[in-house]
Amino acid sequence: AKTASGITYPSTRYTFEGLLNGLQIMAIDKALPLYVFYLGEEDDKYPNSFAYGAVNLAAFLANAMVLAIQSDACDEHNWQEVAGRDGIFN
């Protein structure tokens, strides 16, 4: 996370343990079958599946960093425009 003046500090909301818990729920346990986090498969038909899973995780972390982790925020930004302008709920 970063302060307004750009000084970095460890996030108080986002932890490695939290990431692992979330991956356990979404990728391994598949608690929400319609929303599975893809990490790859142990299947000879898909020899690059773990590489795809690694890219998926990297893209997720990059997006999370931009939207939430760097500011230690827990709400995601809403990019929906209303009449050509950002909505008041942003």
PDB file of N, CA and C in Angstrom:
ATOM      1  N   ALA A   1       0.844  -1.181   0.000  1.00  0.00           N
ATOM      2  CA  ALA A   1       0.000   0.000   0.000  1.00  0.00           C
ATOM      3  C   ALA A   1       0.887   1.241   0.000  1.00  0.00           C
ATOM      4  N   LYS A   2       0.294   2.370  -0.332  1.00  0.00           N
ATOM      5  CA  LYS A   2       1.040   3.626  -0.372  1.00  0.00           C
ATOM      6  C   LYS A   2       0.285   4.715   0.371  1.00  0.00           C
ATOM      7  N   THR A   3       1.035   5.602   1.001  1.00  0.00           N
ATOM      8  CA  THR A   3       0.423   6.788   1.589  1.00  0.00           C
ATOM      9  C   THR A   3       0.188   7.804   0.471  1.00  0.00           C
ATOM     10  N   ALA A   4      -0.520   8.878   0.789  1.00  0.00           N
ATOM     11  CA  ALA A   4      -0.779   9.925  -0.201  1.00  0.00           C
ATOM     12  C   ALA A   4       0.514  10.533  -0.731  1.00  0.00           C
ATOM     13  N   SER A   5       1.566  10.530   0.082  1.00  0.00           N
ATOM     14  CA  SER A   5       2.849  11.088  -0.348  1.00  0.00           C
ATOM     15  C   SER A   5       3.724  10.066  -1.069  1.00  0.00           C
ATOM     16  N   GLY A   6       3.199   8.836  -1.288  1.00  0.00           N
ATOM     17  CA  GLY A   6       3.918   7.842  -2.068  1.00  0.00           C
ATOM     18  C   GLY A   6       4.799   6.900  -1.274  1.00  0.00           C
ATOM     19  N   ILE A   7       4.770   6.984   0.043  1.00  0.00           N
ATOM     20  CA  ILE A   7       5.563   6.081   0.880  1.00  0.00           C
ATOM     21  C   ILE A   7       4.840   4.744   0.989  1.00  0.00           C
ATOM     22  N   THR A   8       5.554   3.652   0.689  1.00  0.00           N
ATOM     23  CA  THR A   8       4.929   2.332   0.734  1.00  0.00           C
ATOM     24  C   THR A   8       4.953   1.756   2.147  1.00  0.00           C
ATOM     25  N   TYR A   9       3.962   0.921   2.427  1.00  0.00           N
ATOM     26  CA  TYR A   9       3.881   0.220   3.707  1.00  0.00           C
ATOM     27  C   TYR A   9       3.118  -1.088   3.484  1.00  0.00           C
ATOM     28  N   PRO A  10       3.289  -2.069   4.355  1.00  0.00           N
ATOM     29  CA  PRO A  10       2.582  -3.335   4.190  1.00  0.00           C
ATOM     30  C   PRO A  10       1.068  -3.127   4.312  1.00  0.00           C
ATOM     31  N   SER A  11       0.325  -3.734   3.418  1.00  0.00           N
ATOM     32  CA  SER A  11      -1.132  -3.618   3.448  1.00  0.00           C
ATOM     33  C   SER A  11      -1.670  -4.204   4.743  1.00  0.00           C
ATOM     34  N   THR A  12      -2.670  -3.546   5.293  1.00  0.00           N
ATOM     35  CA  THR A  12      -3.314  -4.080   6.492  1.00  0.00           C
ATOM     36  C   THR A  12      -4.538  -4.913   6.136  1.00  0.00           C
ATOM     37  N   ARG A  13      -5.014  -4.801   4.894  1.00  0.00           N
ATOM     38  CA  ARG A  13      -6.198  -5.541   4.464  1.00  0.00           C
ATOM     39  C   ARG A  13      -5.855  -6.797   3.672  1.00  0.00           C
ATOM     40  N   TYR A  14      -4.807  -6.734   2.879  1.00  0.00           N
ATOM     41  CA  TYR A  14      -4.492  -7.812   1.945  1.00  0.00           C
ATOM     42  C   TYR A  14      -3.228  -8.535   2.382  1.00  0.00           C
ATOM     43  N   THR A  15      -3.356  -9.850   2.597  1.00  0.00           N
ATOM     44  CA  THR A  15      -2.229 -10.649   3.066  1.00  0.00           C
ATOM     45  C   THR A  15      -2.057 -11.869   2.161  1.00  0.00           C
ATOM     46  N   PHE A  16      -0.888 -12.446   2.213  1.00  0.00           N
ATOM     47  CA  PHE A  16      -0.624 -13.669   1.452  1.00  0.00           C
ATOM     48  C   PHE A  16      -1.540 -14.788   1.935  1.00  0.00           C
ATOM     49  N   GLU A  17      -1.749 -14.865   3.241  1.00  0.00           N
ATOM     50  CA  GLU A  17      -2.645 -15.885   3.801  1.00  0.00           C
ATOM     51  C   GLU A  17      -4.067 -15.701   3.256  1.00  0.00           C
ATOM     52  N   GLY A  18      -4.518 -14.464   3.151  1.00  0.00           N
ATOM     53  CA  GLY A  18      -5.842 -14.197   2.597  1.00  0.00           C
ATOM     54  C   GLY A  18      -5.939 -14.621   1.144  1.00  0.00           C
ATOM     55  N   LEU A  19      -4.879 -14.371   0.375  1.00  0.00           N
ATOM     56  CA  LEU A  19      -4.846 -14.805  -1.021  1.00  0.00           C
ATOM     57  C   LEU A  19      -4.951 -16.329  -1.098  1.00  0.00           C
ATOM     58  N   LEU A  20      -4.172 -17.028  -0.289  1.00  0.00           N
ATOM     59  CA  LEU A  20      -4.211 -18.494  -0.308  1.00  0.00           C
ATOM     60  C   LEU A  20      -5.581 -19.018   0.113  1.00  0.00           C
ATOM     61  N   ASN A  21      -6.201 -18.397   1.105  1.00  0.00           N
ATOM     62  CA  ASN A  21      -7.540 -18.817   1.527  1.00  0.00           C
ATOM     63  C   ASN A  21      -8.545 -18.616   0.392  1.00  0.00           C
ATOM     64  N   GLY A  22      -8.465 -17.477  -0.283  1.00  0.00           N
ATOM     65  CA  GLY A  22      -9.362 -17.204  -1.400  1.00  0.00           C
ATOM     66  C   GLY A  22      -9.165 -18.179  -2.544  1.00  0.00           C
ATOM     67  N   LEU A  23      -7.910 -18.488  -2.855  1.00  0.00           N
ATOM     68  CA  LEU A  23      -7.634 -19.458  -3.916  1.00  0.00           C
ATOM     69  C   LEU A  23      -8.137 -20.847  -3.535  1.00  0.00           C
ATOM     70  N   GLN A  24      -8.005 -21.208  -2.281  1.00  0.00           N
ATOM     71  CA  GLN A  24      -8.515 -22.494  -1.812  1.00  0.00           C
ATOM     72  C   GLN A  24     -10.019 -22.589  -2.080  1.00  0.00           C
ATOM     73  N   ILE A  25     -10.737 -21.532  -1.755  1.00  0.00           N
ATOM     74  CA  ILE A  25     -12.189 -21.522  -1.932  1.00  0.00           C
ATOM     75  C   ILE A  25     -12.580 -21.503  -3.403  1.00  0.00           C
ATOM     76  N   MET A  26     -11.937 -20.630  -4.180  1.00  0.00           N
ATOM     77  CA  MET A  26     -12.374 -20.391  -5.559  1.00  0.00           C
ATOM     78  C   MET A  26     -11.746 -21.321  -6.594  1.00  0.00           C
ATOM     79  N   ALA A  27     -10.551 -21.844  -6.334  1.00  0.00           N
ATOM     80  CA  ALA A  27      -9.870 -22.670  -7.337  1.00  0.00           C
ATOM     81  C   ALA A  27      -9.850 -24.149  -6.975  1.00  0.00           C
ATOM     82  N   ILE A  28      -9.682 -24.447  -5.718  1.00  0.00           N
ATOM     83  CA  ILE A  28      -9.519 -25.850  -5.331  1.00  0.00           C
ATOM     84  C   ILE A  28     -10.842 -26.457  -4.865  1.00  0.00           C
ATOM     85  N   ASP A  29     -11.510 -25.783  -3.917  1.00  0.00           N
ATOM     86  CA  ASP A  29     -12.798 -26.293  -3.431  1.00  0.00           C
ATOM     87  C   ASP A  29     -13.928 -26.033  -4.426  1.00  0.00           C
ATOM     88  N   LYS A  30     -13.745 -25.035  -5.291  1.00  0.00           N
ATOM     89  CA  LYS A  30     -14.761 -24.647  -6.280  1.00  0.00           C
ATOM     90  C   LYS A  30     -16.113 -24.437  -5.610  1.00  0.00           C
ATOM     91  N   ALA A  31     -16.090 -23.623  -4.552  1.00  0.00           N
ATOM     92  CA  ALA A  31     -17.282 -23.363  -3.749  1.00  0.00           C
ATOM     93  C   ALA A  31     -18.392 -22.702  -4.548  1.00  0.00           C
ATOM     94  N   LEU A  32     -18.038 -21.924  -5.559  1.00  0.00           N
ATOM     95  CA  LEU A  32     -19.028 -21.287  -6.429  1.00  0.00           C
ATOM     96  C   LEU A  32     -18.793 -21.810  -7.847  1.00  0.00           C
ATOM     97  N   PRO A  33     -19.444 -22.904  -8.231  1.00  0.00           N
ATOM     98  CA  PRO A  33     -19.143 -23.573  -9.509  1.00  0.00           C
ATOM     99  C   PRO A  33     -19.195 -22.666 -10.743  1.00  0.00           C
ATOM    100  N   LEU A  34     -19.993 -21.626 -10.716  1.00  0.00           N
ATOM    101  CA  LEU A  34     -20.065 -20.736 -11.874  1.00  0.00           C
ATOM    102  C   LEU A  34     -18.921 -19.733 -11.910  1.00  0.00           C
ATOM    103  N   TYR A  35     -18.162 -19.618 -10.817  1.00  0.00           N
ATOM    104  CA  TYR A  35     -17.088 -18.629 -10.716  1.00  0.00           C
ATOM    105  C   TYR A  35     -15.813 -19.274 -10.193  1.00  0.00           C
ATOM    106  N   VAL A  36     -15.239 -20.173 -10.950  1.00  0.00           N
ATOM    107  CA  VAL A  36     -14.026 -20.888 -10.552  1.00  0.00           C
ATOM    108  C   VAL A  36     -12.802 -20.104 -11.009  1.00  0.00           C
ATOM    109  N   PHE A  37     -11.822 -19.965 -10.125  1.00  0.00           N
ATOM    110  CA  PHE A  37     -10.562 -19.314 -10.485  1.00  0.00           C
ATOM    111  C   PHE A  37      -9.669 -20.374 -11.109  1.00  0.00           C
ATOM    112  N   TYR A  38      -9.294 -20.189 -12.366  1.00  0.00           N
ATOM    113  CA  TYR A  38      -8.547 -21.191 -13.108  1.00  0.00           C
ATOM    114  C   TYR A  38      -7.053 -21.113 -12.802  1.00  0.00           C
ATOM    115  N   LEU A  39      -6.501 -22.201 -12.261  1.00  0.00           N
ATOM    116  CA  LEU A  39      -5.071 -22.294 -11.977  1.00  0.00           C
ATOM    117  C   LEU A  39      -4.368 -23.331 -12.839  1.00  0.00           C
ATOM    118  N   GLY A  40      -5.115 -24.061 -13.649  1.00  0.00           N
ATOM    119  CA  GLY A  40      -4.528 -25.105 -14.481  1.00  0.00           C
ATOM    120  C   GLY A  40      -5.118 -26.462 -14.139  1.00  0.00           C
ATOM    121  N   GLU A  41      -4.742 -27.456 -14.943  1.00  0.00           N
ATOM    122  CA  GLU A  41      -5.268 -28.807 -14.754  1.00  0.00           C
ATOM    123  C   GLU A  41      -4.160 -29.830 -14.926  1.00  0.00           C
ATOM    124  N   GLU A  42      -4.267 -30.925 -14.198  1.00  0.00           N
ATOM    125  CA  GLU A  42      -3.341 -32.033 -14.396  1.00  0.00           C
ATOM    126  C   GLU A  42      -3.965 -32.968 -15.420  1.00  0.00           C
ATOM    127  N   ASP A  43      -3.783 -32.631 -16.681  1.00  0.00           N
ATOM    128  CA  ASP A  43      -4.376 -33.403 -17.761  1.00  0.00           C
ATOM    129  C   ASP A  43      -3.454 -33.303 -18.964  1.00  0.00           C
ATOM    130  N   ASP A  44      -3.090 -34.448 -19.529  1.00  0.00           N
ATOM    131  CA  ASP A  44      -2.173 -34.463 -20.674  1.00  0.00           C
ATOM    132  C   ASP A  44      -2.750 -33.754 -21.905  1.00  0.00           C
ATOM    133  N   LYS A  45      -4.068 -33.614 -21.961  1.00  0.00           N
ATOM    134  CA  LYS A  45      -4.688 -32.915 -23.095  1.00  0.00           C
ATOM    135  C   LYS A  45      -4.375 -31.418 -23.073  1.00  0.00           C
ATOM    136  N   TYR A  46      -4.014 -30.898 -21.915  1.00  0.00           N
ATOM    137  CA  TYR A  46      -3.752 -29.459 -21.762  1.00  0.00           C
ATOM    138  C   TYR A  46      -2.356 -29.246 -21.177  1.00  0.00           C
ATOM    139  N   PRO A  47      -1.306 -29.462 -21.972  1.00  0.00           N
ATOM    140  CA  PRO A  47       0.058 -29.406 -21.438  1.00  0.00           C
ATOM    141  C   PRO A  47       0.467 -28.016 -20.941  1.00  0.00           C
ATOM    142  N   ASN A  48      -0.151 -26.954 -21.421  1.00  0.00           N
ATOM    143  CA  ASN A  48       0.210 -25.597 -20.989  1.00  0.00           C
ATOM    144  C   ASN A  48      -0.745 -25.030 -19.947  1.00  0.00           C
ATOM    145  N   SER A  49      -1.591 -25.868 -19.385  1.00  0.00           N
ATOM    146  CA  SER A  49      -2.635 -25.346 -18.512  1.00  0.00           C
ATOM    147  C   SER A  49      -2.079 -24.639 -17.274  1.00  0.00           C
ATOM    148  N   PHE A  50      -0.969 -25.122 -16.709  1.00  0.00           N
ATOM    149  CA  PHE A  50      -0.426 -24.453 -15.528  1.00  0.00           C
ATOM    150  C   PHE A  50       0.198 -23.102 -15.887  1.00  0.00           C
ATOM    151  N   ALA A  51       0.710 -22.987 -17.103  1.00  0.00           N
ATOM    152  CA  ALA A  51       1.209 -21.682 -17.559  1.00  0.00           C
ATOM    153  C   ALA A  51       0.043 -20.704 -17.691  1.00  0.00           C
ATOM    154  N   TYR A  52      -1.088 -21.172 -18.242  1.00  0.00           N
ATOM    155  CA  TYR A  52      -2.278 -20.323 -18.327  1.00  0.00           C
ATOM    156  C   TYR A  52      -2.757 -19.929 -16.929  1.00  0.00           C
ATOM    157  N   GLY A  53      -2.703 -20.873 -16.004  1.00  0.00           N
ATOM    158  CA  GLY A  53      -3.101 -20.587 -14.629  1.00  0.00           C
ATOM    159  C   GLY A  53      -2.195 -19.550 -13.988  1.00  0.00           C
ATOM    160  N   ALA A  54      -0.889 -19.639 -14.252  1.00  0.00           N
ATOM    161  CA  ALA A  54       0.060 -18.662 -13.701  1.00  0.00           C
ATOM    162  C   ALA A  54      -0.189 -17.277 -14.278  1.00  0.00           C
ATOM    163  N   VAL A  55      -0.483 -17.214 -15.576  1.00  0.00           N
ATOM    164  CA  VAL A  55      -0.794 -15.927 -16.207  1.00  0.00           C
ATOM    165  C   VAL A  55      -2.099 -15.374 -15.632  1.00  0.00           C
ATOM    166  N   ASN A  56      -3.071 -16.231 -15.415  1.00  0.00           N
ATOM    167  CA  ASN A  56      -4.345 -15.813 -14.825  1.00  0.00           C
ATOM    168  C   ASN A  56      -4.119 -15.211 -13.444  1.00  0.00           C
ATOM    169  N   LEU A  57      -3.316 -15.864 -12.628  1.00  0.00           N
ATOM    170  CA  LEU A  57      -3.023 -15.360 -11.288  1.00  0.00           C
ATOM    171  C   LEU A  57      -2.254 -14.039 -11.356  1.00  0.00           C
ATOM    172  N   ALA A  58      -1.289 -13.941 -12.253  1.00  0.00           N
ATOM    173  CA  ALA A  58      -0.519 -12.702 -12.403  1.00  0.00           C
ATOM    174  C   ALA A  58      -1.415 -11.545 -12.834  1.00  0.00           C
ATOM    175  N   ALA A  59      -2.311 -11.803 -13.778  1.00  0.00           N
ATOM    176  CA  ALA A  59      -3.228 -10.755 -14.240  1.00  0.00           C
ATOM    177  C   ALA A  59      -4.172 -10.336 -13.120  1.00  0.00           C
ATOM    178  N   PHE A  60      -4.649 -11.305 -12.359  1.00  0.00           N
ATOM    179  CA  PHE A  60      -5.527 -10.993 -11.224  1.00  0.00           C
ATOM    180  C   PHE A  60      -4.812 -10.114 -10.208  1.00  0.00           C
ATOM    181  N   LEU A  61      -3.579 -10.490  -9.849  1.00  0.00           N
ATOM    182  CA  LEU A  61      -2.824  -9.705  -8.867  1.00  0.00           C
ATOM    183  C   LEU A  61      -2.494  -8.309  -9.384  1.00  0.00           C
ATOM    184  N   ALA A  62      -2.162  -8.193 -10.662  1.00  0.00           N
ATOM    185  CA  ALA A  62      -1.878  -6.880 -11.240  1.00  0.00           C
ATOM    186  C   ALA A  62      -3.116  -5.994 -11.183  1.00  0.00           C
ATOM    187  N   ASN A  63      -4.255  -6.550 -11.544  1.00  0.00           N
ATOM    188  CA  ASN A  63      -5.503  -5.795 -11.494  1.00  0.00           C
ATOM    189  C   ASN A  63      -5.861  -5.414 -10.058  1.00  0.00           C
ATOM    190  N   ALA A  64      -5.708  -6.348  -9.137  1.00  0.00           N
ATOM    191  CA  ALA A  64      -6.006  -6.061  -7.735  1.00  0.00           C
ATOM    192  C   ALA A  64      -5.084  -4.982  -7.189  1.00  0.00           C
ATOM    193  N   MET A  65      -3.826  -5.011  -7.596  1.00  0.00           N
ATOM    194  CA  MET A  65      -2.873  -4.002  -7.145  1.00  0.00           C
ATOM    195  C   MET A  65      -3.300  -2.614  -7.592  1.00  0.00           C
ATOM    196  N   VAL A  66      -3.691  -2.500  -8.849  1.00  0.00           N
ATOM    197  CA  VAL A  66      -4.094  -1.204  -9.398  1.00  0.00           C
ATOM    198  C   VAL A  66      -5.388  -0.706  -8.750  1.00  0.00           C
ATOM    199  N   LEU A  67      -6.353  -1.604  -8.549  1.00  0.00           N
ATOM    200  CA  LEU A  67      -7.665  -1.183  -8.073  1.00  0.00           C
ATOM    201  C   LEU A  67      -7.793  -1.079  -6.562  1.00  0.00           C
ATOM    202  N   ALA A  68      -7.016  -1.843  -5.805  1.00  0.00           N
ATOM    203  CA  ALA A  68      -7.273  -1.867  -4.370  1.00  0.00           C
ATOM    204  C   ALA A  68      -6.041  -1.931  -3.478  1.00  0.00           C
ATOM    205  N   ILE A  69      -5.106  -2.803  -3.761  1.00  0.00           N
ATOM    206  CA  ILE A  69      -4.022  -3.061  -2.824  1.00  0.00           C
ATOM    207  C   ILE A  69      -3.145  -1.837  -2.603  1.00  0.00           C
ATOM    208  N   GLN A  70      -2.792  -1.115  -3.682  1.00  0.00           N
ATOM    209  CA  GLN A  70      -1.877   0.012  -3.516  1.00  0.00           C
ATOM    210  C   GLN A  70      -2.467   1.120  -2.656  1.00  0.00           C
ATOM    211  N   SER A  71      -3.798   1.209  -2.583  1.00  0.00           N
ATOM    212  CA  SER A  71      -4.410   2.236  -1.735  1.00  0.00           C
ATOM    213  C   SER A  71      -5.024   1.632  -0.481  1.00  0.00           C
ATOM    214  N   ASP A  72      -4.859   0.319  -0.279  1.00  0.00           N
ATOM    215  CA  ASP A  72      -5.408  -0.407   0.864  1.00  0.00           C
ATOM    216  C   ASP A  72      -6.918  -0.215   0.974  1.00  0.00           C
ATOM    217  N   ALA A  73      -7.586  -0.121  -0.172  1.00  0.00           N
ATOM    218  CA  ALA A  73      -9.035   0.067  -0.213  1.00  0.00           C
ATOM    219  C   ALA A  73      -9.730  -1.275  -0.303  1.00  0.00           C
ATOM    220  N   CYS A  74     -10.968  -1.332   0.161  1.00  0.00           N
ATOM    221  CA  CYS A  74     -11.696  -2.599   0.057  1.00  0.00           C
ATOM    222  C   CYS A  74     -12.840  -2.515  -0.942  1.00  0.00           C
ATOM    223  N   ASP A  75     -13.126  -1.345  -1.455  1.00  0.00           N
ATOM    224  CA  ASP A  75     -14.169  -1.195  -2.464  1.00  0.00           C
ATOM    225  C   ASP A  75     -13.528  -1.081  -3.834  1.00  0.00           C
ATOM    226  N   GLU A  76     -14.116  -1.760  -4.806  1.00  0.00           N
ATOM    227  CA  GLU A  76     -13.581  -1.644  -6.151  1.00  0.00           C
ATOM    228  C   GLU A  76     -14.123  -0.373  -6.802  1.00  0.00           C
ATOM    229  N   HIS A  77     -13.391   0.139  -7.744  1.00  0.00           N
ATOM    230  CA  HIS A  77     -13.822   1.320  -8.481  1.00  0.00           C
ATOM    231  C   HIS A  77     -14.891   0.923  -9.488  1.00  0.00           C
ATOM    232  N   ASN A  78     -15.842   1.794  -9.692  1.00  0.00           N
ATOM    233  CA  ASN A  78     -16.878   1.564 -10.679  1.00  0.00           C
ATOM    234  C   ASN A  78     -16.605   2.468 -11.864  1.00  0.00           C
ATOM    235  N   TRP A  79     -16.370   1.877 -13.027  1.00  0.00           N
ATOM    236  CA  TRP A  79     -16.004   2.645 -14.218  1.00  0.00           C
ATOM    237  C   TRP A  79     -17.204   2.916 -15.116  1.00  0.00           C
ATOM    238  N   GLN A  80     -18.394   2.626 -14.625  1.00  0.00           N
ATOM    239  CA  GLN A  80     -19.592   2.820 -15.438  1.00  0.00           C
ATOM    240  C   GLN A  80     -19.886   4.312 -15.591  1.00  0.00           C
ATOM    241  N   GLU A  81     -20.122   4.712 -16.822  1.00  0.00           N
ATOM    242  CA  GLU A  81     -20.461   6.107 -17.082  1.00  0.00           C
ATOM    243  C   GLU A  81     -21.965   6.276 -17.157  1.00  0.00           C
ATOM    244  N   VAL A  82     -22.421   7.421 -16.693  1.00  0.00           N
ATOM    245  CA  VAL A  82     -23.830   7.786 -16.777  1.00  0.00           C
ATOM    246  C   VAL A  82     -23.881   9.103 -17.534  1.00  0.00           C
ATOM    247  N   ALA A  83     -24.522   9.106 -18.665  1.00  0.00           N
ATOM    248  CA  ALA A  83     -24.628  10.310 -19.500  1.00  0.00           C
ATOM    249  C   ALA A  83     -23.247  10.896 -19.809  1.00  0.00           C
ATOM    250  N   GLY A  84     -22.258  10.003 -20.089  1.00  0.00           N
ATOM    251  CA  GLY A  84     -20.932  10.463 -20.462  1.00  0.00           C
ATOM    252  C   GLY A  84     -20.060  10.904 -19.309  1.00  0.00           C
ATOM    253  N   ARG A  85     -20.498  10.706 -18.070  1.00  0.00           N
ATOM    254  CA  ARG A  85     -19.729  11.107 -16.892  1.00  0.00           C
ATOM    255  C   ARG A  85     -19.658   9.953 -15.898  1.00  0.00           C
ATOM    256  N   ASP A  86     -18.650   9.980 -15.043  1.00  0.00           N
ATOM    257  CA  ASP A  86     -18.578   8.985 -13.987  1.00  0.00           C
ATOM    258  C   ASP A  86     -19.783   9.131 -13.074  1.00  0.00           C
ATOM    259  N   GLY A  87     -20.316   7.983 -12.638  1.00  0.00           N
ATOM    260  CA  GLY A  87     -21.462   8.021 -11.734  1.00  0.00           C
ATOM    261  C   GLY A  87     -21.109   8.632 -10.389  1.00  0.00           C
ATOM    262  N   ILE A  88     -22.069   9.185  -9.718  1.00  0.00           N
ATOM    263  CA  ILE A  88     -21.850   9.842  -8.427  1.00  0.00           C
ATOM    264  C   ILE A  88     -21.423   8.862  -7.345  1.00  0.00           C
ATOM    265  N   PHE A  89     -21.679   7.578  -7.575  1.00  0.00           N
ATOM    266  CA  PHE A  89     -21.362   6.550  -6.594  1.00  0.00           C
ATOM    267  C   PHE A  89     -19.890   6.181  -6.585  1.00  0.00           C
ATOM    268  N   ASN A  90     -19.049   6.773  -7.412  1.00  0.00           N
ATOM    269  CA  ASN A  90     -17.618   6.454  -7.415  1.00  0.00           C
ATOM    270  C   ASN A  90     -16.929   7.050  -6.228  1.00  0.00           C
TER     271      ASN A  90
END
